[in-house]
Amino acid sequence: MKEIQATELANKLKNGEKVNIIDVREDDEVAQGIIPGAKHIRLGEIPDRLEEFNQDEHYYMVCRSGARSGRATEYLEANGIEATNMEGGMLAWEDETEVPE
């Protein structure tokens, strides 16, 4: 399974790259914050929403710590969709985006 660090994904966004980020967390988790531009599809909904994924595009999967998004990444890859898991999930993203004092 391919993985990417939060810093690498943040740099892609900062550089203006078009990236497809899918947040697989539950509604209450997403309410606390989501990566700008990310699409919210709960992990349990992915099999039913597989037609929303374009086989010609690449997806970056995100959850709270990286475990659920890892499962989502493996599922998408098994279905012929290119996906990469963001290591450490939103916990790593928060570390990445905090401004030092």
Protein backbone atom coordinates (compact mmCIF):
# COMPACT_ATOMS: atom_id res chain seq x y z
CA MET A 1 0.00 0.00 0.00
CA LYS A 2 1.29 3.42 -0.96
CA GLU A 3 1.56 6.00 1.80
CA ILE A 4 2.26 9.73 1.94
CA GLN A 5 3.32 11.94 4.83
CA ALA A 6 1.06 14.81 5.90
CA THR A 7 3.88 17.23 5.01
CA GLU A 8 4.04 15.92 1.43
CA LEU A 9 0.28 16.19 0.96
CA ALA A 10 0.25 19.69 2.49
CA ASN A 11 2.99 20.72 0.04
CA LYS A 12 0.97 19.43 -2.91
CA LEU A 13 -1.94 21.63 -1.79
CA LYS A 14 0.34 24.63 -1.19
CA ASN A 15 1.81 24.20 -4.68
CA GLY A 16 -1.68 24.28 -6.19
CA GLU A 17 -1.66 20.66 -7.38
CA LYS A 18 -5.09 19.17 -8.05
CA VAL A 19 -5.42 16.38 -5.51
CA ASN A 20 -8.40 14.20 -4.68
CA ILE A 21 -8.55 13.87 -0.90
CA ILE A 22 -11.18 11.59 0.59
CA ASP A 23 -11.86 11.82 4.34
CA VAL A 24 -13.31 8.51 5.59
CA ARG A 25 -14.02 9.61 9.18
CA GLU A 26 -17.46 9.75 10.78
CA ASP A 27 -19.61 12.88 10.64
CA ASP A 28 -18.80 14.02 14.18
CA GLU A 29 -15.06 13.75 13.50
CA VAL A 30 -15.31 15.73 10.26
CA ALA A 31 -17.29 18.42 12.11
CA GLN A 32 -14.10 19.12 14.08
CA GLY A 33 -12.20 19.98 10.89
CA ILE A 34 -11.39 18.68 7.42
CA ILE A 35 -8.53 19.27 4.98
CA PRO A 36 -9.54 22.11 2.62
CA GLY A 37 -11.03 20.65 -0.57
CA ALA A 38 -11.40 17.13 0.83
CA LYS A 39 -14.52 15.11 0.06
CA HIS A 40 -16.21 13.30 2.95
CA ILE A 41 -17.19 9.68 2.32
CA ARG A 42 -17.47 7.60 5.49
CA LEU A 43 -15.49 4.35 5.38
CA GLY A 44 -18.64 2.23 5.52
CA GLU A 45 -20.10 4.03 2.49
CA ILE A 46 -17.17 3.46 0.13
CA PRO A 47 -18.39 0.13 -1.33
CA ASP A 48 -21.78 1.68 -2.13
CA ARG A 49 -20.21 4.82 -3.62
CA LEU A 50 -17.46 3.17 -5.67
CA GLU A 51 -18.92 4.64 -8.90
CA GLU A 52 -17.92 8.12 -7.61
CA PHE A 53 -14.25 7.20 -7.98
CA ASN A 54 -12.68 7.77 -11.40
CA GLN A 55 -10.24 5.03 -12.42
CA ASP A 56 -8.16 7.64 -14.27
CA GLU A 57 -7.51 9.67 -11.12
CA HIS A 58 -5.49 9.22 -7.94
CA TYR A 59 -7.01 9.51 -4.45
CA TYR A 60 -5.44 10.38 -1.11
CA MET A 61 -7.27 8.74 1.77
CA VAL A 62 -7.44 10.35 5.23
CA CYS A 63 -8.87 9.39 8.62
CA ARG A 64 -8.02 10.25 12.22
CA SER A 65 -4.84 8.20 12.61
CA GLY A 66 -4.31 6.35 9.31
CA ALA A 67 -5.86 2.95 10.10
CA ARG A 68 -9.33 3.35 8.55
CA SER A 69 -7.93 5.22 5.56
CA GLY A 70 -5.44 2.37 5.14
CA ARG A 71 -8.33 -0.07 4.85
CA ALA A 72 -10.06 2.27 2.38
CA THR A 73 -6.85 2.52 0.34
CA GLU A 74 -6.53 -1.27 0.15
CA TYR A 75 -10.20 -1.62 -0.84
CA LEU A 76 -9.91 0.96 -3.63
CA GLU A 77 -6.69 -0.60 -4.95
CA ALA A 78 -8.38 -4.03 -4.97
CA ASN A 79 -11.07 -2.44 -7.15
CA GLY A 80 -8.62 -0.95 -9.66
CA ILE A 81 -8.53 2.59 -8.25
CA GLU A 82 -5.21 4.29 -7.51
CA ALA A 83 -5.08 5.38 -3.89
CA THR A 84 -2.53 6.46 -1.29
CA ASN A 85 -2.98 6.48 2.48
CA MET A 86 -1.94 9.59 4.43
CA GLU A 87 0.21 8.27 7.27
CA GLY A 88 -0.82 9.41 10.73
CA GLY A 89 -4.16 10.82 9.53
CA MET A 90 -5.57 14.07 10.83
CA LEU A 91 -3.41 13.80 13.96
CA ALA A 92 -0.35 14.21 11.73
CA TRP A 93 -2.11 16.89 9.64
CA GLU A 94 -2.81 18.97 12.76
CA ASP A 95 0.86 18.75 13.70
CA GLU A 96 1.73 19.86 10.16
CA THR A 97 -0.55 22.86 10.07
CA GLU A 98 0.06 24.27 13.54
CA VAL A 99 1.92 27.56 13.47
CA PRO A 100 4.89 27.67 15.86
CA GLU A 101 4.74 30.46 18.43
